Amino acid sequence: MRKGFFIQVYGRVQGVGFRYGAMQKAHQLGVTGYIHNKVNGSVYIEAEGEHEALASFLDWCKEGPSGARVQDVQWGEVPLSNYKSFSVRG
């Protein structure tokens, strides 16, 4: 059963390849949605997929790519938007 999550990641997550790493991980897991940088220095993600895929994606977000220093991750369920792919926005 597909679910939708919002994920907000705080720490050193901009300028370290986080968005493109997340996109690559999403493609590997079959997760759809989008990611974008926020003005406050965090990244915001909306992700949709099967429960196990979303759990794996969330675990990746808690670590990020090698240059990232994740300090906090907030997440929760959101209604499905039926995204067709995973993309990087602004």
PDB file of N, CA and C in Angstrom:
ATOM      1  N   MET A   1       0.828  -1.183   0.000  1.00  0.00           N
ATOM      2  CA  MET A   1       0.000   0.000   0.000  1.00  0.00           C
ATOM      3  C   MET A   1       0.876   1.253   0.000  1.00  0.00           C
ATOM      4  N   ARG A   2       0.650   2.107  -0.954  1.00  0.00           N
ATOM      5  CA  ARG A   2       1.449   3.339  -1.067  1.00  0.00           C
ATOM      6  C   ARG A   2       1.059   4.342   0.010  1.00  0.00           C
ATOM      7  N   LYS A   3       2.085   5.034   0.489  1.00  0.00           N
ATOM      8  CA  LYS A   3       1.895   6.085   1.482  1.00  0.00           C
ATOM      9  C   LYS A   3       2.654   7.319   1.029  1.00  0.00           C
ATOM     10  N   GLY A   4       2.314   8.437   1.624  1.00  0.00           N
ATOM     11  CA  GLY A   4       3.031   9.681   1.372  1.00  0.00           C
ATOM     12  C   GLY A   4       3.629  10.206   2.655  1.00  0.00           C
ATOM     13  N   PHE A   5       4.867  10.673   2.576  1.00  0.00           N
ATOM     14  CA  PHE A   5       5.564  11.259   3.723  1.00  0.00           C
ATOM     15  C   PHE A   5       6.044  12.656   3.349  1.00  0.00           C
ATOM     16  N   PHE A   6       6.049  13.565   4.331  1.00  0.00           N
ATOM     17  CA  PHE A   6       6.885  14.758   4.212  1.00  0.00           C
ATOM     18  C   PHE A   6       8.088  14.484   5.086  1.00  0.00           C
ATOM     19  N   ILE A   7       9.238  14.966   4.658  1.00  0.00           N
ATOM     20  CA  ILE A   7      10.476  14.796   5.426  1.00  0.00           C
ATOM     21  C   ILE A   7      11.210  16.127   5.401  1.00  0.00           C
ATOM     22  N   GLN A   8      11.534  16.652   6.562  1.00  0.00           N
ATOM     23  CA  GLN A   8      12.302  17.895   6.668  1.00  0.00           C
ATOM     24  C   GLN A   8      13.618  17.541   7.347  1.00  0.00           C
ATOM     25  N   VAL A   9      14.727  17.858   6.688  1.00  0.00           N
ATOM     26  CA  VAL A   9      16.050  17.471   7.174  1.00  0.00           C
ATOM     27  C   VAL A   9      16.838  18.733   7.510  1.00  0.00           C
ATOM     28  N   TYR A  10      17.373  18.772   8.726  1.00  0.00           N
ATOM     29  CA  TYR A  10      18.114  19.931   9.222  1.00  0.00           C
ATOM     30  C   TYR A  10      19.574  19.560   9.460  1.00  0.00           C
ATOM     31  N   GLY A  11      20.443  20.548   9.367  1.00  0.00           N
ATOM     32  CA  GLY A  11      21.872  20.360   9.584  1.00  0.00           C
ATOM     33  C   GLY A  11      22.631  20.916   8.396  1.00  0.00           C
ATOM     34  N   ARG A  12      23.817  20.373   8.156  1.00  0.00           N
ATOM     35  CA  ARG A  12      24.565  20.779   6.964  1.00  0.00           C
ATOM     36  C   ARG A  12      24.098  19.879   5.824  1.00  0.00           C
ATOM     37  N   VAL A  13      23.027  20.324   5.154  1.00  0.00           N
ATOM     38  CA  VAL A  13      22.398  19.500   4.125  1.00  0.00           C
ATOM     39  C   VAL A  13      22.263  20.226   2.790  1.00  0.00           C
ATOM     40  N   GLN A  14      22.746  21.458   2.716  1.00  0.00           N
ATOM     41  CA  GLN A  14      22.762  22.177   1.452  1.00  0.00           C
ATOM     42  C   GLN A  14      24.210  22.338   1.000  1.00  0.00           C
ATOM     43  N   GLY A  15      24.426  22.215  -0.306  1.00  0.00           N
ATOM     44  CA  GLY A  15      25.779  22.361  -0.846  1.00  0.00           C
ATOM     45  C   GLY A  15      26.642  21.128  -0.672  1.00  0.00           C
ATOM     46  N   VAL A  16      26.029  19.993  -0.321  1.00  0.00           N
ATOM     47  CA  VAL A  16      26.790  18.761  -0.096  1.00  0.00           C
ATOM     48  C   VAL A  16      26.283  17.603  -0.966  1.00  0.00           C
ATOM     49  N   GLY A  17      25.417  17.911  -1.944  1.00  0.00           N
ATOM     50  CA  GLY A  17      24.887  16.867  -2.823  1.00  0.00           C
ATOM     51  C   GLY A  17      23.710  16.106  -2.244  1.00  0.00           C
ATOM     52  N   PHE A  18      23.086  16.656  -1.208  1.00  0.00           N
ATOM     53  CA  PHE A  18      21.989  15.941  -0.555  1.00  0.00           C
ATOM     54  C   PHE A  18      20.825  15.715  -1.508  1.00  0.00           C
ATOM     55  N   ARG A  19      20.426  16.757  -2.244  1.00  0.00           N
ATOM     56  CA  ARG A  19      19.264  16.625  -3.125  1.00  0.00           C
ATOM     57  C   ARG A  19      19.491  15.571  -4.210  1.00  0.00           C
ATOM     58  N   TYR A  20      20.673  15.580  -4.806  1.00  0.00           N
ATOM     59  CA  TYR A  20      20.929  14.628  -5.891  1.00  0.00           C
ATOM     60  C   TYR A  20      21.162  13.220  -5.354  1.00  0.00           C
ATOM     61  N   GLY A  21      21.742  13.116  -4.177  1.00  0.00           N
ATOM     62  CA  GLY A  21      21.862  11.813  -3.530  1.00  0.00           C
ATOM     63  C   GLY A  21      20.502  11.232  -3.188  1.00  0.00           C
ATOM     64  N   ALA A  22      19.604  12.097  -2.694  1.00  0.00           N
ATOM     65  CA  ALA A  22      18.246  11.660  -2.374  1.00  0.00           C
ATOM     66  C   ALA A  22      17.513  11.214  -3.627  1.00  0.00           C
ATOM     67  N   MET A  23      17.696  11.941  -4.713  1.00  0.00           N
ATOM     68  CA  MET A  23      17.050  11.566  -5.968  1.00  0.00           C
ATOM     69  C   MET A  23      17.548  10.194  -6.431  1.00  0.00           C
ATOM     70  N   GLN A  24      18.838   9.960  -6.344  1.00  0.00           N
ATOM     71  CA  GLN A  24      19.403   8.669  -6.741  1.00  0.00           C
ATOM     72  C   GLN A  24      18.845   7.547  -5.854  1.00  0.00           C
ATOM     73  N   LYS A  25      18.791   7.768  -4.554  1.00  0.00           N
ATOM     74  CA  LYS A  25      18.260   6.756  -3.632  1.00  0.00           C
ATOM     75  C   LYS A  25      16.779   6.506  -3.909  1.00  0.00           C
ATOM     76  N   ALA A  26      16.029   7.555  -4.165  1.00  0.00           N
ATOM     77  CA  ALA A  26      14.605   7.409  -4.473  1.00  0.00           C
ATOM     78  C   ALA A  26      14.407   6.558  -5.721  1.00  0.00           C
ATOM     79  N   HIS A  27      15.217   6.820  -6.750  1.00  0.00           N
ATOM     80  CA  HIS A  27      15.113   6.028  -7.980  1.00  0.00           C
ATOM     81  C   HIS A  27      15.417   4.558  -7.704  1.00  0.00           C
ATOM     82  N   GLN A  28      16.423   4.278  -6.878  1.00  0.00           N
ATOM     83  CA  GLN A  28      16.773   2.896  -6.537  1.00  0.00           C
ATOM     84  C   GLN A  28      15.635   2.184  -5.833  1.00  0.00           C
ATOM     85  N   LEU A  29      14.916   2.922  -4.991  1.00  0.00           N
ATOM     86  CA  LEU A  29      13.867   2.325  -4.161  1.00  0.00           C
ATOM     87  C   LEU A  29      12.473   2.384  -4.780  1.00  0.00           C
ATOM     88  N   GLY A  30      12.343   3.085  -5.903  1.00  0.00           N
ATOM     89  CA  GLY A  30      11.023   3.241  -6.512  1.00  0.00           C
ATOM     90  C   GLY A  30      10.157   4.257  -5.789  1.00  0.00           C
ATOM     91  N   VAL A  31      10.794   5.221  -5.129  1.00  0.00           N
ATOM     92  CA  VAL A  31      10.086   6.277  -4.413  1.00  0.00           C
ATOM     93  C   VAL A  31       9.898   7.465  -5.360  1.00  0.00           C
ATOM     94  N   THR A  32       8.720   8.068  -5.327  1.00  0.00           N
ATOM     95  CA  THR A  32       8.436   9.239  -6.152  1.00  0.00           C
ATOM     96  C   THR A  32       8.226  10.455  -5.258  1.00  0.00           C
ATOM     97  N   GLY A  33       8.289  11.649  -5.850  1.00  0.00           N
ATOM     98  CA  GLY A  33       8.066  12.876  -5.104  1.00  0.00           C
ATOM     99  C   GLY A  33       9.039  13.947  -5.534  1.00  0.00           C
ATOM    100  N   TYR A  34       9.453  14.774  -4.570  1.00  0.00           N
ATOM    101  CA  TYR A  34      10.402  15.843  -4.892  1.00  0.00           C
ATOM    102  C   TYR A  34      11.161  16.263  -3.640  1.00  0.00           C
ATOM    103  N   ILE A  35      12.261  16.992  -3.867  1.00  0.00           N
ATOM    104  CA  ILE A  35      13.082  17.552  -2.797  1.00  0.00           C
ATOM    105  C   ILE A  35      13.473  18.952  -3.198  1.00  0.00           C
ATOM    106  N   HIS A  36      13.525  19.864  -2.223  1.00  0.00           N
ATOM    107  CA  HIS A  36      14.032  21.198  -2.523  1.00  0.00           C
ATOM    108  C   HIS A  36      14.639  21.840  -1.286  1.00  0.00           C
ATOM    109  N   ASN A  37      15.562  22.785  -1.528  1.00  0.00           N
ATOM    110  CA  ASN A  37      16.205  23.533  -0.458  1.00  0.00           C
ATOM    111  C   ASN A  37      15.244  24.573   0.085  1.00  0.00           C
ATOM    112  N   LYS A  38      15.262  24.743   1.402  1.00  0.00           N
ATOM    113  CA  LYS A  38      14.473  25.784   2.054  1.00  0.00           C
ATOM    114  C   LYS A  38      15.392  26.950   2.426  1.00  0.00           C
ATOM    115  N   VAL A  39      14.826  28.131   2.546  1.00  0.00           N
ATOM    116  CA  VAL A  39      15.584  29.330   2.883  1.00  0.00           C
ATOM    117  C   VAL A  39      16.296  29.184   4.224  1.00  0.00           C
ATOM    118  N   ASN A  40      15.729  28.417   5.151  1.00  0.00           N
ATOM    119  CA  ASN A  40      16.315  28.264   6.490  1.00  0.00           C
ATOM    120  C   ASN A  40      17.493  27.296   6.530  1.00  0.00           C
ATOM    121  N   GLY A  41      17.926  26.768   5.370  1.00  0.00           N
ATOM    122  CA  GLY A  41      19.086  25.874   5.307  1.00  0.00           C
ATOM    123  C   GLY A  41      18.741  24.400   5.363  1.00  0.00           C
ATOM    124  N   SER A  42      17.478  24.065   5.537  1.00  0.00           N
ATOM    125  CA  SER A  42      17.056  22.662   5.565  1.00  0.00           C
ATOM    126  C   SER A  42      16.676  22.212   4.153  1.00  0.00           C
ATOM    127  N   VAL A  43      16.364  20.933   4.016  1.00  0.00           N
ATOM    128  CA  VAL A  43      15.771  20.444   2.776  1.00  0.00           C
ATOM    129  C   VAL A  43      14.407  19.853   3.117  1.00  0.00           C
ATOM    130  N   TYR A  44      13.469  20.031   2.181  1.00  0.00           N
ATOM    131  CA  TYR A  44      12.106  19.533   2.340  1.00  0.00           C
ATOM    132  C   TYR A  44      11.848  18.499   1.261  1.00  0.00           C
ATOM    133  N   ILE A  45      11.243  17.393   1.658  1.00  0.00           N
ATOM    134  CA  ILE A  45      10.976  16.289   0.736  1.00  0.00           C
ATOM    135  C   ILE A  45       9.521  15.873   0.871  1.00  0.00           C
ATOM    136  N   GLU A  46       8.893  15.611  -0.248  1.00  0.00           N
ATOM    137  CA  GLU A  46       7.645  14.853  -0.253  1.00  0.00           C
ATOM    138  C   GLU A  46       7.949  13.575  -0.999  1.00  0.00           C
ATOM    139  N   ALA A  47       7.651  12.450  -0.373  1.00  0.00           N
ATOM    140  CA  ALA A  47       8.013  11.149  -0.924  1.00  0.00           C
ATOM    141  C   ALA A  47       6.817  10.207  -0.847  1.00  0.00           C
ATOM    142  N   GLU A  48       6.649   9.419  -1.895  1.00  0.00           N
ATOM    143  CA  GLU A  48       5.572   8.434  -1.947  1.00  0.00           C
ATOM    144  C   GLU A  48       6.133   7.088  -2.373  1.00  0.00           C
ATOM    145  N   GLY A  49       5.605   6.039  -1.768  1.00  0.00           N
ATOM    146  CA  GLY A  49       6.044   4.706  -2.138  1.00  0.00           C
ATOM    147  C   GLY A  49       5.475   3.674  -1.179  1.00  0.00           C
ATOM    148  N   GLU A  50       5.897   2.438  -1.379  1.00  0.00           N
ATOM    149  CA  GLU A  50       5.512   1.363  -0.474  1.00  0.00           C
ATOM    150  C   GLU A  50       6.181   1.590   0.879  1.00  0.00           C
ATOM    151  N   HIS A  51       5.573   1.077   1.932  1.00  0.00           N
ATOM    152  CA  HIS A  51       6.053   1.330   3.291  1.00  0.00           C
ATOM    153  C   HIS A  51       7.534   0.996   3.468  1.00  0.00           C
ATOM    154  N   GLU A  52       7.956  -0.179   3.005  1.00  0.00           N
ATOM    155  CA  GLU A  52       9.369  -0.583   3.181  1.00  0.00           C
ATOM    156  C   GLU A  52      10.310   0.351   2.430  1.00  0.00           C
ATOM    157  N   ALA A  53       9.925   0.762   1.225  1.00  0.00           N
ATOM    158  CA  ALA A  53      10.764   1.677   0.444  1.00  0.00           C
ATOM    159  C   ALA A  53      10.866   3.028   1.140  1.00  0.00           C
ATOM    160  N   LEU A  54       9.748   3.524   1.670  1.00  0.00           N
ATOM    161  CA  LEU A  54       9.777   4.801   2.384  1.00  0.00           C
ATOM    162  C   LEU A  54      10.612   4.705   3.660  1.00  0.00           C
ATOM    163  N   ALA A  55      10.521   3.594   4.359  1.00  0.00           N
ATOM    164  CA  ALA A  55      11.323   3.412   5.567  1.00  0.00           C
ATOM    165  C   ALA A  55      12.812   3.421   5.227  1.00  0.00           C
ATOM    166  N   SER A  56      13.204   2.762   4.149  1.00  0.00           N
ATOM    167  CA  SER A  56      14.607   2.759   3.719  1.00  0.00           C
ATOM    168  C   SER A  56      15.048   4.152   3.288  1.00  0.00           C
ATOM    169  N   PHE A  57      14.178   4.857   2.580  1.00  0.00           N
ATOM    170  CA  PHE A  57      14.491   6.219   2.140  1.00  0.00           C
ATOM    171  C   PHE A  57      14.657   7.142   3.349  1.00  0.00           C
ATOM    172  N   LEU A  58      13.775   7.023   4.325  1.00  0.00           N
ATOM    173  CA  LEU A  58      13.866   7.831   5.538  1.00  0.00           C
ATOM    174  C   LEU A  58      15.166   7.542   6.283  1.00  0.00           C
ATOM    175  N   ASP A  59      15.561   6.277   6.361  1.00  0.00           N
ATOM    176  CA  ASP A  59      16.840   5.919   6.986  1.00  0.00           C
ATOM    177  C   ASP A  59      18.000   6.596   6.267  1.00  0.00           C
ATOM    178  N   TRP A  60      17.952   6.609   4.924  1.00  0.00           N
ATOM    179  CA  TRP A  60      19.012   7.274   4.161  1.00  0.00           C
ATOM    180  C   TRP A  60      19.037   8.762   4.499  1.00  0.00           C
ATOM    181  N   CYS A  61      17.865   9.392   4.590  1.00  0.00           N
ATOM    182  CA  CYS A  61      17.790  10.824   4.877  1.00  0.00           C
ATOM    183  C   CYS A  61      18.386  11.166   6.240  1.00  0.00           C
ATOM    184  N   LYS A  62      18.352  10.242   7.166  1.00  0.00           N
ATOM    185  CA  LYS A  62      18.907  10.480   8.496  1.00  0.00           C
ATOM    186  C   LYS A  62      20.430  10.514   8.477  1.00  0.00           C
ATOM    187  N   GLU A  63      21.028   9.988   7.402  1.00  0.00           N
ATOM    188  CA  GLU A  63      22.486  10.004   7.234  1.00  0.00           C
ATOM    189  C   GLU A  63      22.907  10.962   6.133  1.00  0.00           C
ATOM    190  N   GLY A  64      22.254  10.870   4.976  1.00  0.00           N
ATOM    191  CA  GLY A  64      22.600  11.701   3.827  1.00  0.00           C
ATOM    192  C   GLY A  64      23.898  11.267   3.182  1.00  0.00           C
ATOM    193  N   PRO A  65      24.373  12.043   2.209  1.00  0.00           N
ATOM    194  CA  PRO A  65      25.651  11.733   1.553  1.00  0.00           C
ATOM    195  C   PRO A  65      26.818  12.013   2.490  1.00  0.00           C
ATOM    196  N   SER A  66      28.005  11.632   2.085  1.00  0.00           N
ATOM    197  CA  SER A  66      29.170  11.691   2.983  1.00  0.00           C
ATOM    198  C   SER A  66      29.473  13.093   3.508  1.00  0.00           C
ATOM    199  N   GLY A  67      29.208  14.140   2.748  1.00  0.00           N
ATOM    200  CA  GLY A  67      29.517  15.501   3.200  1.00  0.00           C
ATOM    201  C   GLY A  67      28.473  16.112   4.107  1.00  0.00           C
ATOM    202  N   ALA A  68      27.333  15.472   4.251  1.00  0.00           N
ATOM    203  CA  ALA A  68      26.241  16.021   5.061  1.00  0.00           C
ATOM    204  C   ALA A  68      26.472  15.763   6.544  1.00  0.00           C
ATOM    205  N   ARG A  69      25.905  16.631   7.358  1.00  0.00           N
ATOM    206  CA  ARG A  69      25.891  16.449   8.812  1.00  0.00           C
ATOM    207  C   ARG A  69      24.445  16.668   9.259  1.00  0.00           C
ATOM    208  N   VAL A  70      23.681  15.600   9.249  1.00  0.00           N
ATOM    209  CA  VAL A  70      22.257  15.687   9.603  1.00  0.00           C
ATOM    210  C   VAL A  70      22.129  15.835  11.113  1.00  0.00           C
ATOM    211  N   GLN A  71      21.414  16.879  11.535  1.00  0.00           N
ATOM    212  CA  GLN A  71      21.200  17.129  12.967  1.00  0.00           C
ATOM    213  C   GLN A  71      19.812  16.700  13.418  1.00  0.00           C
ATOM    214  N   ASP A  72      18.828  16.818  12.537  1.00  0.00           N
ATOM    215  CA  ASP A  72      17.457  16.480  12.923  1.00  0.00           C
ATOM    216  C   ASP A  72      16.658  16.144  11.674  1.00  0.00           C
ATOM    217  N   VAL A  73      15.724  15.215  11.827  1.00  0.00           N
ATOM    218  CA  VAL A  73      14.802  14.860  10.750  1.00  0.00           C
ATOM    219  C   VAL A  73      13.402  14.824  11.340  1.00  0.00           C
ATOM    220  N   GLN A  74      12.504  15.586  10.738  1.00  0.00           N
ATOM    221  CA  GLN A  74      11.102  15.559  11.129  1.00  0.00           C
ATOM    222  C   GLN A  74      10.319  14.996   9.952  1.00  0.00           C
ATOM    223  N   TRP A  75       9.341  14.161  10.243  1.00  0.00           N
ATOM    224  CA  TRP A  75       8.574  13.556   9.160  1.00  0.00           C
ATOM    225  C   TRP A  75       7.182  13.178   9.649  1.00  0.00           C
ATOM    226  N   GLY A  76       6.333  12.944   8.679  1.00  0.00           N
ATOM    227  CA  GLY A  76       4.982  12.513   8.988  1.00  0.00           C
ATOM    228  C   GLY A  76       4.253  12.152   7.703  1.00  0.00           C
ATOM    229  N   GLU A  77       3.075  11.599   7.855  1.00  0.00           N
ATOM    230  CA  GLU A  77       2.295  11.206   6.678  1.00  0.00           C
ATOM    231  C   GLU A  77       1.574  12.399   6.087  1.00  0.00           C
ATOM    232  N   VAL A  78       1.468  12.392   4.761  1.00  0.00           N
ATOM    233  CA  VAL A  78       0.691  13.378   4.012  1.00  0.00           C
ATOM    234  C   VAL A  78      -0.166  12.627   3.005  1.00  0.00           C
ATOM    235  N   PRO A  79      -1.237  13.248   2.520  1.00  0.00           N
ATOM    236  CA  PRO A  79      -2.056  12.591   1.498  1.00  0.00           C
ATOM    237  C   PRO A  79      -1.240  12.341   0.228  1.00  0.00           C
ATOM    238  N   LEU A  80      -1.565  11.280  -0.479  1.00  0.00           N
ATOM    239  CA  LEU A  80      -0.882  10.965  -1.739  1.00  0.00           C
ATOM    240  C   LEU A  80      -1.172  12.025  -2.796  1.00  0.00           C
ATOM    241  N   SER A  81      -0.138  12.403  -3.527  1.00  0.00           N
ATOM    242  CA  SER A  81      -0.279  13.313  -4.672  1.00  0.00           C
ATOM    243  C   SER A  81      -0.074  12.581  -5.984  1.00  0.00           C
ATOM    244  N   ASN A  82       0.272  11.291  -5.907  1.00  0.00           N
ATOM    245  CA  ASN A  82       0.489  10.444  -7.088  1.00  0.00           C
ATOM    246  C   ASN A  82       1.562  10.995  -8.022  1.00  0.00           C
ATOM    247  N   TYR A  83       2.723  11.328  -7.444  1.00  0.00           N
ATOM    248  CA  TYR A  83       3.868  11.774  -8.243  1.00  0.00           C
ATOM    249  C   TYR A  83       4.279  10.653  -9.185  1.00  0.00           C
ATOM    250  N   LYS A  84       4.723  11.021 -10.377  1.00  0.00           N
ATOM    251  CA  LYS A  84       5.134  10.031 -11.385  1.00  0.00           C
ATOM    252  C   LYS A  84       6.616   9.709 -11.320  1.00  0.00           C
ATOM    253  N   SER A  85       7.414  10.616 -10.755  1.00  0.00           N
ATOM    254  CA  SER A  85       8.860  10.418 -10.663  1.00  0.00           C
ATOM    255  C   SER A  85       9.353  11.171  -9.437  1.00  0.00           C
ATOM    256  N   PHE A  86      10.659  11.165  -9.220  1.00  0.00           N
ATOM    257  CA  PHE A  86      11.264  11.929  -8.132  1.00  0.00           C
ATOM    258  C   PHE A  86      12.129  13.011  -8.761  1.00  0.00           C
ATOM    259  N   SER A  87      11.942  14.258  -8.324  1.00  0.00           N
ATOM    260  CA  SER A  87      12.673  15.357  -8.955  1.00  0.00           C
ATOM    261  C   SER A  87      13.278  16.296  -7.916  1.00  0.00           C
ATOM    262  N   VAL A  88      14.261  17.050  -8.370  1.00  0.00           N
ATOM    263  CA  VAL A  88      14.880  18.106  -7.581  1.00  0.00           C
ATOM    264  C   VAL A  88      14.239  19.409  -8.014  1.00  0.00           C
ATOM    265  N   ARG A  89      13.752  20.168  -7.055  1.00  0.00           N
ATOM    266  CA  ARG A  89      13.177  21.479  -7.331  1.00  0.00           C
ATOM    267  C   ARG A  89      14.030  22.529  -6.665  1.00  0.00           C
ATOM    268  N   GLY A  90      14.201  23.661  -7.362  1.00  0.00           N
ATOM    269  CA  GLY A  90      14.917  24.819  -6.818  1.00  0.00           C
ATOM    270  C   GLY A  90      15.744  24.508  -5.693  1.00  0.00           C
TER     271      GLY A  90
END
